[in-house]
């Protein structure tokens, strides 16, 4: 028996063909982002070979070891460009860096084989300002090894970090602005001061023996009370990797909103685009604080003293002095 092919069949077939053609010729970034519930972006691709003519060939080159995850990589990248500007060097980063999925970094990309007989410098402690950066040879290619978790490595270019380097991809920035605007509209809070709260738990709960600590419940209430005293019209947006804990133990009400975003980049952008922020523990939280342009309240109980992480941290080097500590 032969099947009849009516107009509807041809229309469906044509639509399917167009979709397949779109998938074939288009950038698959948007499809991948949709499947992973992320904001679609276009990673900046700046191969060294394509831009090397813009740089003086005699200018020393600088690279750094990228260890850990996004927050760690942000510390390392900031140190890289901070030292590059201080010593007039050319910074180069690997093209596989995850920070490129979040920020439109203007730095050329390449492998460590681009360094010519480099000198290598190692940090002394993870979260302590290492004076080894004061001994760099400005005439030699250099490779830095470490996490370099101190605001002192790059505070001389902080405004550039905000305006030039750590600039969110346009889609992420617009999504964050839209998200905040929608929250204020839905809660009838237009014109309110937006204070982000980052609740970090997850692996920090499981690894306390190493020195990881999570902020206790009273800390959040004290920090929120601090801002409520300063502003009459306020809106808190809570971002967390443990919604069950946060929504069970923290406050709820007309001035509280929980961000249920699964995209860590969008949550980071939401926090950075807030007016002020309350942070807890970890490098991701730290960077949300450093990039926000308002006031920062941080949990002063991190890390736990006399532990692996505690012994690697000098708090005066780790926490900027203009942040407000609370317990």
C-alpha atoms as a PDB file:
ATOM      1  CA  UNK A   1       0.000   0.000   0.000  1.00  0.00           C
ATOM      2  CA  UNK A   2       1.368   3.383  -0.991  1.00  0.00           C
ATOM      3  CA  UNK A   3       1.290   6.293   1.476  1.00  0.00           C
ATOM      4  CA  UNK A   4      -0.052   9.593   0.245  1.00  0.00           C
ATOM      5  CA  UNK A   5       2.212  12.614   0.616  1.00  0.00           C
ATOM      6  CA  UNK A   6       0.124  15.683   1.261  1.00  0.00           C
ATOM      7  CA  UNK A   7       1.203  19.338   1.681  1.00  0.00           C
ATOM      8  CA  UNK A   8       1.621  18.897   5.424  1.00  0.00           C
ATOM      9  CA  UNK A   9       4.216  16.187   4.873  1.00  0.00           C
ATOM     10  CA  UNK A  10       6.274  18.469   2.640  1.00  0.00           C
ATOM     11  CA  UNK A  11       6.033  21.347   5.112  1.00  0.00           C
ATOM     12  CA  UNK A  12       7.252  19.158   7.989  1.00  0.00           C
ATOM     13  CA  UNK A  13      10.030  17.787   5.846  1.00  0.00           C
ATOM     14  CA  UNK A  14      11.072  21.273   4.826  1.00  0.00           C
ATOM     15  CA  UNK A  15      11.181  22.485   8.428  1.00  0.00           C
ATOM     16  CA  UNK A  16      13.275  19.488   9.475  1.00  0.00           C
ATOM     17  CA  UNK A  17      15.654  20.104   6.587  1.00  0.00           C
ATOM     18  CA  UNK A  18      16.040  23.767   7.536  1.00  0.00           C
ATOM     19  CA  UNK A  19      16.737  22.868  11.173  1.00  0.00           C
ATOM     20  CA  UNK A  20      19.370  20.328  10.134  1.00  0.00           C
ATOM     21  CA  UNK A  21      20.942  22.879   7.798  1.00  0.00           C
ATOM     22  CA  UNK A  22      21.000  25.449  10.622  1.00  0.00           C
ATOM     23  CA  UNK A  23      22.702  22.986  12.946  1.00  0.00           C
ATOM     24  CA  UNK A  24      25.253  22.187  10.267  1.00  0.00           C
ATOM     25  CA  UNK A  25      26.260  25.714   9.343  1.00  0.00           C
ATOM     26  CA  UNK A  26      25.797  27.520  12.665  1.00  0.00           C
ATOM     27  CA  UNK A  27      27.975  27.868  15.724  1.00  0.00           C
ATOM     28  CA  UNK A  28      27.003  24.969  18.011  1.00  0.00           C
ATOM     29  CA  UNK A  29      27.684  27.130  21.066  1.00  0.00           C
ATOM     30  CA  UNK A  30      24.011  28.023  21.397  1.00  0.00           C
ATOM     31  CA  UNK A  31      22.855  24.408  21.145  1.00  0.00           C
ATOM     32  CA  UNK A  32      25.387  23.220  23.717  1.00  0.00           C
ATOM     33  CA  UNK A  33      24.444  26.087  26.034  1.00  0.00           C
ATOM     34  CA  UNK A  34      20.747  25.244  25.761  1.00  0.00           C
ATOM     35  CA  UNK A  35      21.327  21.576  26.580  1.00  0.00           C
ATOM     36  CA  UNK A  36      23.484  22.497  29.594  1.00  0.00           C
ATOM     37  CA  UNK A  37      21.156  25.273  30.815  1.00  0.00           C
ATOM     38  CA  UNK A  38      23.787  27.937  30.317  1.00  0.00           C
ATOM     39  CA  UNK A  39      23.739  31.380  28.774  1.00  0.00           C
ATOM     40  CA  UNK A  40      25.184  31.015  25.238  1.00  0.00           C
ATOM     41  CA  UNK A  41      28.453  32.837  24.609  1.00  0.00           C
ATOM     42  CA  UNK A  42      31.200  33.078  22.006  1.00  0.00           C
ATOM     43  CA  UNK A  43      34.616  32.388  23.545  1.00  0.00           C
ATOM     44  CA  UNK A  44      37.287  34.876  22.453  1.00  0.00           C
ATOM     45  CA  UNK A  45      39.842  33.142  20.249  1.00  0.00           C
ATOM     46  CA  UNK A  46      43.072  35.132  19.981  1.00  0.00           C
ATOM     47  CA  UNK A  47      45.832  32.773  18.757  1.00  0.00           C
ATOM     48  CA  UNK A  48      49.320  34.112  19.325  1.00  0.00           C
ATOM     49  CA  UNK A  49      50.230  33.507  15.701  1.00  0.00           C
ATOM     50  CA  UNK A  50      47.461  35.867  14.589  1.00  0.00           C
ATOM     51  CA  UNK A  51      48.417  38.776  16.853  1.00  0.00           C
ATOM     52  CA  UNK A  52      52.161  38.453  17.463  1.00  0.00           C
ATOM     53  CA  UNK A  53      52.858  41.222  14.928  1.00  0.00           C
ATOM     54  CA  UNK A  54      51.196  43.674  17.325  1.00  0.00           C
ATOM     55  CA  UNK A  55      53.846  43.011  19.976  1.00  0.00           C
ATOM     56  CA  UNK A  56      57.483  43.973  20.123  1.00  0.00           C
ATOM     57  CA  UNK A  57      59.397  40.694  19.555  1.00  0.00           C
ATOM     58  CA  UNK A  58      62.021  41.775  22.070  1.00  0.00           C
ATOM     59  CA  UNK A  59      59.422  42.368  24.791  1.00  0.00           C
ATOM     60  CA  UNK A  60      59.583  39.642  27.469  1.00  0.00           C
ATOM     61  CA  UNK A  61      56.653  37.213  27.651  1.00  0.00           C
ATOM     62  CA  UNK A  62      54.899  36.142  30.812  1.00  0.00           C
ATOM     63  CA  UNK A  63      52.832  33.042  31.609  1.00  0.00           C
ATOM     64  CA  UNK A  64      51.458  31.486  34.796  1.00  0.00           C
ATOM     65  CA  UNK A  65      50.440  27.994  35.892  1.00  0.00           C
ATOM     66  CA  UNK A  66      46.660  27.653  35.984  1.00  0.00           C
ATOM     67  CA  UNK A  67      45.610  25.370  38.836  1.00  0.00           C
ATOM     68  CA  UNK A  68      42.209  24.626  40.319  1.00  0.00           C
ATOM     69  CA  UNK A  69      38.886  25.862  38.970  1.00  0.00           C
ATOM     70  CA  UNK A  70      37.272  29.141  37.895  1.00  0.00           C
ATOM     71  CA  UNK A  71      37.885  31.155  41.071  1.00  0.00           C
ATOM     72  CA  UNK A  72      41.495  29.971  41.286  1.00  0.00           C
ATOM     73  CA  UNK A  73      42.028  30.779  37.622  1.00  0.00           C
ATOM     74  CA  UNK A  74      40.733  34.295  38.189  1.00  0.00           C
ATOM     75  CA  UNK A  75      43.358  34.829  40.913  1.00  0.00           C
ATOM     76  CA  UNK A  76      46.050  33.533  38.588  1.00  0.00           C
ATOM     77  CA  UNK A  77      44.906  35.533  35.583  1.00  0.00           C
ATOM     78  CA  UNK A  78      44.688  38.752  37.605  1.00  0.00           C
ATOM     79  CA  UNK A  79      48.226  38.187  38.892  1.00  0.00           C
ATOM     80  CA  UNK A  80      49.421  37.481  35.356  1.00  0.00           C
ATOM     81  CA  UNK A  81      48.113  40.747  33.892  1.00  0.00           C
ATOM     82  CA  UNK A  82      49.055  42.667  37.035  1.00  0.00           C
ATOM     83  CA  UNK A  83      52.685  41.599  36.774  1.00  0.00           C
ATOM     84  CA  UNK A  84      52.685  42.008  32.984  1.00  0.00           C
ATOM     85  CA  UNK A  85      51.647  45.640  33.316  1.00  0.00           C
ATOM     86  CA  UNK A  86      54.079  46.274  36.152  1.00  0.00           C
ATOM     87  CA  UNK A  87      57.101  44.892  34.265  1.00  0.00           C
ATOM     88  CA  UNK A  88      56.004  45.742  30.699  1.00  0.00           C
ATOM     89  CA  UNK A  89      55.729  42.110  29.637  1.00  0.00           C
ATOM     90  CA  UNK A  90      53.421  40.365  27.166  1.00  0.00           C
ATOM     91  CA  UNK A  91      50.956  38.054  28.985  1.00  0.00           C
ATOM     92  CA  UNK A  92      49.892  34.817  27.255  1.00  0.00           C
ATOM     93  CA  UNK A  93      47.224  32.352  28.410  1.00  0.00           C
ATOM     94  CA  UNK A  94      46.163  28.854  27.291  1.00  0.00           C
ATOM     95  CA  UNK A  95      43.233  28.818  24.896  1.00  0.00           C
ATOM     96  CA  UNK A  96      41.476  26.112  26.918  1.00  0.00           C
ATOM     97  CA  UNK A  97      41.093  28.299  30.007  1.00  0.00           C
ATOM     98  CA  UNK A  98      37.606  28.158  31.561  1.00  0.00           C
ATOM     99  CA  UNK A  99      37.685  31.887  32.364  1.00  0.00           C
ATOM    100  CA  UNK A 100      37.192  32.439  28.628  1.00  0.00           C
ATOM    101  CA  UNK A 101      33.710  30.959  28.995  1.00  0.00           C
ATOM    102  CA  UNK A 102      32.770  33.777  31.358  1.00  0.00           C
ATOM    103  CA  UNK A 103      34.815  36.845  30.440  1.00  0.00           C
ATOM    104  CA  UNK A 104      35.837  38.435  27.164  1.00  0.00           C
ATOM    105  CA  UNK A 105      39.544  38.365  27.988  1.00  0.00           C
ATOM    106  CA  UNK A 106      41.685  40.406  25.539  1.00  0.00           C
ATOM    107  CA  UNK A 107      44.859  38.368  26.210  1.00  0.00           C
ATOM    108  CA  UNK A 108      46.590  36.399  23.413  1.00  0.00           C
ATOM    109  CA  UNK A 109      46.461  32.621  23.692  1.00  0.00           C
ATOM    110  CA  UNK A 110      49.228  30.067  23.273  1.00  0.00           C
ATOM    111  CA  UNK A 111      51.250  27.265  24.842  1.00  0.00           C
ATOM    112  CA  UNK A 112      54.215  27.501  27.188  1.00  0.00           C
ATOM    113  CA  UNK A 113      56.565  26.650  24.314  1.00  0.00           C
ATOM    114  CA  UNK A 114      56.213  30.312  23.289  1.00  0.00           C
ATOM    115  CA  UNK A 115      58.441  31.208  26.249  1.00  0.00           C
ATOM    116  CA  UNK A 116      62.110  31.600  25.305  1.00  0.00           C
ATOM    117  CA  UNK A 117      64.431  30.144  27.979  1.00  0.00           C
ATOM    118  CA  UNK A 118      62.132  31.416  30.736  1.00  0.00           C
ATOM    119  CA  UNK A 119      62.981  32.054  34.351  1.00  0.00           C
ATOM    120  CA  UNK A 120      60.609  30.278  36.757  1.00  0.00           C
ATOM    121  CA  UNK A 121      59.337  31.781  40.007  1.00  0.00           C
ATOM    122  CA  UNK A 122      57.344  29.902  42.671  1.00  0.00           C
ATOM    123  CA  UNK A 123      55.088  31.468  45.278  1.00  0.00           C
ATOM    124  CA  UNK A 124      55.881  30.835  48.937  1.00  0.00           C
ATOM    125  CA  UNK A 125      52.346  30.251  50.241  1.00  0.00           C
ATOM    126  CA  UNK A 126      48.962  29.992  48.547  1.00  0.00           C
ATOM    127  CA  UNK A 127      47.226  32.969  50.176  1.00  0.00           C
ATOM    128  CA  UNK A 128      50.152  35.098  51.257  1.00  0.00           C
ATOM    129  CA  UNK A 129      51.694  37.909  49.240  1.00  0.00           C
ATOM    130  CA  UNK A 130      54.975  36.520  47.950  1.00  0.00           C
ATOM    131  CA  UNK A 131      57.772  39.035  47.502  1.00  0.00           C
ATOM    132  CA  UNK A 132      59.198  36.799  44.792  1.00  0.00           C
ATOM    133  CA  UNK A 133      57.184  38.907  42.318  1.00  0.00           C
ATOM    134  CA  UNK A 134      59.316  41.890  43.299  1.00  0.00           C
ATOM    135  CA  UNK A 135      62.418  40.122  41.989  1.00  0.00           C
ATOM    136  CA  UNK A 136      61.237  39.351  38.440  1.00  0.00           C
ATOM    137  CA  UNK A 137      63.773  40.044  35.703  1.00  0.00           C
ATOM    138  CA  UNK A 138      61.986  42.485  33.361  1.00  0.00           C
ATOM    139  CA  UNK A 139      64.252  41.472  30.469  1.00  0.00           C
ATOM    140  CA  UNK A 140      63.574  37.726  30.507  1.00  0.00           C
ATOM    141  CA  UNK A 141      60.595  35.566  29.636  1.00  0.00           C
ATOM    142  CA  UNK A 142      59.003  34.393  32.869  1.00  0.00           C
ATOM    143  CA  UNK A 143      56.817  31.570  34.154  1.00  0.00           C
ATOM    144  CA  UNK A 144      55.005  31.994  37.483  1.00  0.00           C
ATOM    145  CA  UNK A 145      53.994  28.902  39.463  1.00  0.00           C
ATOM    146  CA  UNK A 146      51.327  29.040  42.170  1.00  0.00           C
ATOM    147  CA  UNK A 147      47.806  30.166  43.079  1.00  0.00           C
ATOM    148  CA  UNK A 148      48.769  33.762  44.010  1.00  0.00           C
ATOM    149  CA  UNK A 149      45.671  34.448  46.093  1.00  0.00           C
ATOM    150  CA  UNK A 150      46.298  37.986  47.257  1.00  0.00           C
ATOM    151  CA  UNK A 151      44.745  41.285  46.205  1.00  0.00           C
ATOM    152  CA  UNK A 152      48.196  42.857  46.492  1.00  0.00           C
ATOM    153  CA  UNK A 153      49.433  41.342  43.214  1.00  0.00           C
ATOM    154  CA  UNK A 154      47.111  43.410  41.049  1.00  0.00           C
ATOM    155  CA  UNK A 155      45.400  46.098  43.078  1.00  0.00           C
ATOM    156  CA  UNK A 156      47.426  48.684  41.141  1.00  0.00           C
ATOM    157  CA  UNK A 157      45.321  47.767  38.079  1.00  0.00           C
ATOM    158  CA  UNK A 158      42.002  47.118  39.868  1.00  0.00           C
ATOM    159  CA  UNK A 159      40.075  49.579  37.711  1.00  0.00           C
ATOM    160  CA  UNK A 160      41.431  47.905  34.580  1.00  0.00           C
ATOM    161  CA  UNK A 161      40.399  44.515  35.926  1.00  0.00           C
ATOM    162  CA  UNK A 162      36.857  45.848  36.302  1.00  0.00           C
ATOM    163  CA  UNK A 163      36.659  47.765  33.030  1.00  0.00           C
ATOM    164  CA  UNK A 164      38.920  45.867  30.623  1.00  0.00           C
ATOM    165  CA  UNK A 165      39.835  42.353  31.721  1.00  0.00           C
ATOM    166  CA  UNK A 166      36.994  40.822  33.754  1.00  0.00           C
ATOM    167  CA  UNK A 167      34.254  41.985  31.405  1.00  0.00           C
ATOM    168  CA  UNK A 168      31.420  39.461  31.152  1.00  0.00           C
ATOM    169  CA  UNK A 169      30.398  38.196  27.747  1.00  0.00           C
ATOM    170  CA  UNK A 170      27.591  40.397  26.444  1.00  0.00           C
ATOM    171  CA  UNK A 171      24.953  37.663  26.695  1.00  0.00           C
ATOM    172  CA  UNK A 172      25.873  36.922  30.312  1.00  0.00           C
ATOM    173  CA  UNK A 173      25.914  40.612  31.255  1.00  0.00           C
ATOM    174  CA  UNK A 174      22.531  41.272  29.652  1.00  0.00           C
ATOM    175  CA  UNK A 175      21.034  38.140  31.217  1.00  0.00           C
ATOM    176  CA  UNK A 176      22.200  39.270  34.685  1.00  0.00           C
ATOM    177  CA  UNK A 177      20.837  42.791  34.236  1.00  0.00           C
ATOM    178  CA  UNK A 178      17.533  41.377  32.991  1.00  0.00           C
ATOM    179  CA  UNK A 179      17.365  38.920  35.884  1.00  0.00           C
ATOM    180  CA  UNK A 180      17.853  41.626  38.519  1.00  0.00           C
ATOM    181  CA  UNK A 181      15.344  43.943  36.815  1.00  0.00           C
ATOM    182  CA  UNK A 182      12.755  41.139  36.707  1.00  0.00           C
ATOM    183  CA  UNK A 183      13.226  40.368  40.402  1.00  0.00           C
ATOM    184  CA  UNK A 184      12.733  44.014  41.348  1.00  0.00           C
ATOM    185  CA  UNK A 185       9.649  44.282  39.164  1.00  0.00           C
ATOM    186  CA  UNK A 186       8.065  41.052  40.416  1.00  0.00           C
ATOM    187  CA  UNK A 187       8.641  42.060  44.045  1.00  0.00           C
ATOM    188  CA  UNK A 188       7.490  45.632  43.444  1.00  0.00           C
ATOM    189  CA  UNK A 189      10.949  46.790  44.512  1.00  0.00           C
ATOM    190  CA  UNK A 190      11.957  49.103  41.696  1.00  0.00           C
ATOM    191  CA  UNK A 191      14.654  51.473  42.884  1.00  0.00           C
ATOM    192  CA  UNK A 192      15.707  49.163  45.730  1.00  0.00           C
ATOM    193  CA  UNK A 193      19.333  48.682  46.716  1.00  0.00           C
ATOM    194  CA  UNK A 194      20.294  45.166  45.582  1.00  0.00           C
ATOM    195  CA  UNK A 195      22.504  43.163  47.951  1.00  0.00           C
ATOM    196  CA  UNK A 196      23.715  39.781  46.739  1.00  0.00           C
ATOM    197  CA  UNK A 197      24.399  36.968  49.203  1.00  0.00           C
ATOM    198  CA  UNK A 198      26.627  34.045  48.303  1.00  0.00           C
ATOM    199  CA  UNK A 199      26.089  30.874  50.324  1.00  0.00           C
ATOM    200  CA  UNK A 200      28.968  28.442  49.775  1.00  0.00           C
ATOM    201  CA  UNK A 201      28.584  24.941  51.156  1.00  0.00           C
ATOM    202  CA  UNK A 202      29.007  21.689  49.190  1.00  0.00           C
ATOM    203  CA  UNK A 203      32.607  20.465  49.353  1.00  0.00           C
ATOM    204  CA  UNK A 204      33.429  23.040  52.048  1.00  0.00           C
ATOM    205  CA  UNK A 205      31.154  21.161  54.454  1.00  0.00           C
ATOM    206  CA  UNK A 206      32.849  17.828  53.716  1.00  0.00           C
ATOM    207  CA  UNK A 207      36.468  19.005  53.975  1.00  0.00           C
ATOM    208  CA  UNK A 208      36.581  20.922  57.227  1.00  0.00           C
ATOM    209  CA  UNK A 209      39.622  18.993  58.425  1.00  0.00           C
ATOM    210  CA  UNK A 210      41.649  20.805  55.735  1.00  0.00           C
ATOM    211  CA  UNK A 211      40.530  24.184  57.028  1.00  0.00           C
ATOM    212  CA  UNK A 212      37.471  24.839  54.874  1.00  0.00           C
ATOM    213  CA  UNK A 213      34.759  26.513  56.917  1.00  0.00           C
ATOM    214  CA  UNK A 214      31.207  27.470  56.066  1.00  0.00           C
ATOM    215  CA  UNK A 215      29.490  30.519  57.495  1.00  0.00           C
ATOM    216  CA  UNK A 216      27.043  29.724  60.332  1.00  0.00           C
ATOM    217  CA  UNK A 217      23.401  30.805  60.219  1.00  0.00           C
ATOM    218  CA  UNK A 218      23.832  33.821  62.576  1.00  0.00           C
ATOM    219  CA  UNK A 219      26.435  35.316  60.224  1.00  0.00           C
ATOM    220  CA  UNK A 220      23.876  35.758  57.453  1.00  0.00           C
ATOM    221  CA  UNK A 221      21.347  37.411  59.745  1.00  0.00           C
ATOM    222  CA  UNK A 222      23.957  39.789  61.162  1.00  0.00           C
ATOM    223  CA  UNK A 223      25.175  40.706  57.669  1.00  0.00           C
ATOM    224  CA  UNK A 224      21.634  41.270  56.416  1.00  0.00           C
ATOM    225  CA  UNK A 225      20.818  43.361  59.487  1.00  0.00           C
ATOM    226  CA  UNK A 226      23.888  45.498  58.758  1.00  0.00           C
ATOM    227  CA  UNK A 227      22.540  46.417  55.310  1.00  0.00           C
ATOM    228  CA  UNK A 228      18.932  46.745  56.486  1.00  0.00           C
ATOM    229  CA  UNK A 229      20.082  49.452  58.907  1.00  0.00           C
ATOM    230  CA  UNK A 230      21.771  51.327  56.066  1.00  0.00           C
ATOM    231  CA  UNK A 231      18.994  51.131  53.469  1.00  0.00           C
ATOM    232  CA  UNK A 232      15.227  51.399  53.844  1.00  0.00           C
ATOM    233  CA  UNK A 233      14.432  49.967  50.411  1.00  0.00           C
ATOM    234  CA  UNK A 234      16.495  46.813  49.913  1.00  0.00           C
ATOM    235  CA  UNK A 235      16.370  43.551  47.951  1.00  0.00           C
ATOM    236  CA  UNK A 236      18.520  40.526  48.781  1.00  0.00           C
ATOM    237  CA  UNK A 237      19.323  38.015  46.041  1.00  0.00           C
ATOM    238  CA  UNK A 238      20.741  34.756  47.404  1.00  0.00           C
ATOM    239  CA  UNK A 239      22.986  32.626  45.178  1.00  0.00           C
ATOM    240  CA  UNK A 240      24.098  29.231  46.468  1.00  0.00           C
ATOM    241  CA  UNK A 241      25.253  25.727  45.608  1.00  0.00           C
ATOM    242  CA  UNK A 242      22.959  24.298  48.309  1.00  0.00           C
ATOM    243  CA  UNK A 243      19.391  25.526  47.837  1.00  0.00           C
ATOM    244  CA  UNK A 244      17.907  22.987  50.263  1.00  0.00           C
ATOM    245  CA  UNK A 245      20.040  24.210  53.171  1.00  0.00           C
ATOM    246  CA  UNK A 246      19.668  27.911  52.303  1.00  0.00           C
ATOM    247  CA  UNK A 247      15.891  27.861  51.899  1.00  0.00           C
ATOM    248  CA  UNK A 248      15.500  25.748  55.055  1.00  0.00           C
ATOM    249  CA  UNK A 249      17.630  27.813  57.413  1.00  0.00           C
ATOM    250  CA  UNK A 250      17.785  31.329  55.977  1.00  0.00           C
ATOM    251  CA  UNK A 251      15.172  34.045  55.837  1.00  0.00           C
ATOM    252  CA  UNK A 252      12.249  34.434  53.466  1.00  0.00           C
ATOM    253  CA  UNK A 253      10.069  37.438  52.810  1.00  0.00           C
ATOM    254  CA  UNK A 254       9.273  40.250  50.375  1.00  0.00           C
ATOM    255  CA  UNK A 255      12.883  41.460  50.307  1.00  0.00           C
ATOM    256  CA  UNK A 256      14.444  38.001  49.819  1.00  0.00           C
ATOM    257  CA  UNK A 257      14.861  36.201  46.493  1.00  0.00           C
ATOM    258  CA  UNK A 258      16.643  32.892  45.853  1.00  0.00           C
ATOM    259  CA  UNK A 259      18.384  32.564  42.516  1.00  0.00           C
ATOM    260  CA  UNK A 260      17.762  29.068  41.166  1.00  0.00           C
ATOM    261  CA  UNK A 261      20.172  29.471  38.273  1.00  0.00           C
ATOM    262  CA  UNK A 262      22.181  26.375  37.355  1.00  0.00           C
ATOM    263  CA  UNK A 263      24.694  28.475  35.446  1.00  0.00           C
ATOM    264  CA  UNK A 264      27.588  29.489  37.697  1.00  0.00           C
ATOM    265  CA  UNK A 265      28.627  32.214  35.257  1.00  0.00           C
ATOM    266  CA  UNK A 266      25.202  33.846  35.381  1.00  0.00           C
ATOM    267  CA  UNK A 267      25.069  33.664  39.182  1.00  0.00           C
ATOM    268  CA  UNK A 268      28.490  35.332  39.316  1.00  0.00           C
ATOM    269  CA  UNK A 269      27.290  38.081  36.976  1.00  0.00           C
ATOM    270  CA  UNK A 270      24.132  38.589  39.058  1.00  0.00           C
ATOM    271  CA  UNK A 271      26.236  39.055  42.188  1.00  0.00           C
ATOM    272  CA  UNK A 272      28.752  41.371  40.505  1.00  0.00           C
ATOM    273  CA  UNK A 273      25.938  43.508  39.067  1.00  0.00           C
ATOM    274  CA  UNK A 274      24.381  43.973  42.496  1.00  0.00           C
ATOM    275  CA  UNK A 275      25.013  47.163  44.465  1.00  0.00           C
ATOM    276  CA  UNK A 276      26.623  45.412  47.444  1.00  0.00           C
ATOM    277  CA  UNK A 277      27.416  41.858  48.487  1.00  0.00           C
ATOM    278  CA  UNK A 278      27.669  39.461  51.433  1.00  0.00           C
ATOM    279  CA  UNK A 279      30.205  36.700  50.741  1.00  0.00           C
ATOM    280  CA  UNK A 280      31.269  33.580  52.588  1.00  0.00           C
ATOM    281  CA  UNK A 281      34.140  31.230  51.733  1.00  0.00           C
ATOM    282  CA  UNK A 282      36.133  30.240  48.678  1.00  0.00           C
ATOM    283  CA  UNK A 283      37.686  31.867  45.620  1.00  0.00           C
ATOM    284  CA  UNK A 284      34.408  32.088  43.640  1.00  0.00           C
ATOM    285  CA  UNK A 285      32.808  34.035  46.490  1.00  0.00           C
ATOM    286  CA  UNK A 286      35.954  36.138  46.898  1.00  0.00           C
ATOM    287  CA  UNK A 287      35.888  37.238  43.276  1.00  0.00           C
ATOM    288  CA  UNK A 288      32.208  38.137  43.419  1.00  0.00           C
ATOM    289  CA  UNK A 289      33.255  40.492  46.211  1.00  0.00           C
ATOM    290  CA  UNK A 290      36.287  41.932  44.447  1.00  0.00           C
ATOM    291  CA  UNK A 291      34.394  42.698  41.237  1.00  0.00           C
ATOM    292  CA  UNK A 292      31.303  44.244  42.831  1.00  0.00           C
ATOM    293  CA  UNK A 293      31.536  48.027  42.860  1.00  0.00           C
ATOM    294  CA  UNK A 294      29.881  48.537  46.229  1.00  0.00           C
ATOM    295  CA  UNK A 295      30.417  47.416  49.814  1.00  0.00           C
ATOM    296  CA  UNK A 296      31.571  43.902  50.713  1.00  0.00           C
ATOM    297  CA  UNK A 297      30.833  42.038  53.952  1.00  0.00           C
ATOM    298  CA  UNK A 298      32.779  38.797  54.377  1.00  0.00           C
ATOM    299  CA  UNK A 299      32.791  35.861  56.785  1.00  0.00           C
ATOM    300  CA  UNK A 300      35.872  36.349  58.958  1.00  0.00           C
ATOM    301  CA  UNK A 301      35.915  32.731  60.155  1.00  0.00           C
ATOM    302  CA  UNK A 302      37.506  31.417  56.971  1.00  0.00           C
ATOM    303  CA  UNK A 303      39.853  29.625  56.892  1.00  0.00           C
ATOM    304  CA  UNK A 304      40.093  27.675  60.140  1.00  0.00           C
ATOM    305  CA  UNK A 305      43.405  28.386  61.955  1.00  0.00           C
ATOM    306  CA  UNK A 306      46.053  25.691  62.417  1.00  0.00           C
ATOM    307  CA  UNK A 307      44.931  23.664  59.410  1.00  0.00           C
ATOM    308  CA  UNK A 308      46.456  23.009  55.994  1.00  0.00           C
ATOM    309  CA  UNK A 309      44.646  25.956  54.432  1.00  0.00           C
ATOM    310  CA  UNK A 310      44.817  28.103  57.560  1.00  0.00           C
ATOM    311  CA  UNK A 311      48.587  27.770  57.668  1.00  0.00           C
ATOM    312  CA  UNK A 312      48.799  28.819  54.015  1.00  0.00           C
ATOM    313  CA  UNK A 313      46.780  31.992  54.529  1.00  0.00           C
ATOM    314  CA  UNK A 314      47.720  35.448  55.772  1.00  0.00           C
ATOM    315  CA  UNK A 315      44.373  37.201  56.171  1.00  0.00           C
ATOM    316  CA  UNK A 316      45.785  40.689  55.661  1.00  0.00           C
ATOM    317  CA  UNK A 317      47.081  39.560  52.283  1.00  0.00           C
ATOM    318  CA  UNK A 318      43.969  37.580  51.353  1.00  0.00           C
ATOM    319  CA  UNK A 319      41.170  39.976  52.346  1.00  0.00           C
ATOM    320  CA  UNK A 320      41.260  43.583  51.060  1.00  0.00           C
ATOM    321  CA  UNK A 321      41.291  46.054  53.986  1.00  0.00           C
ATOM    322  CA  UNK A 322      38.242  47.961  52.695  1.00  0.00           C
ATOM    323  CA  UNK A 323      35.988  44.883  53.134  1.00  0.00           C
ATOM    324  CA  UNK A 324      33.983  44.550  56.344  1.00  0.00           C
ATOM    325  CA  UNK A 325      34.600  41.379  58.423  1.00  0.00           C
ATOM    326  CA  UNK A 326      31.791  39.718  60.399  1.00  0.00           C
ATOM    327  CA  UNK A 327      31.471  36.460  62.315  1.00  0.00           C
END
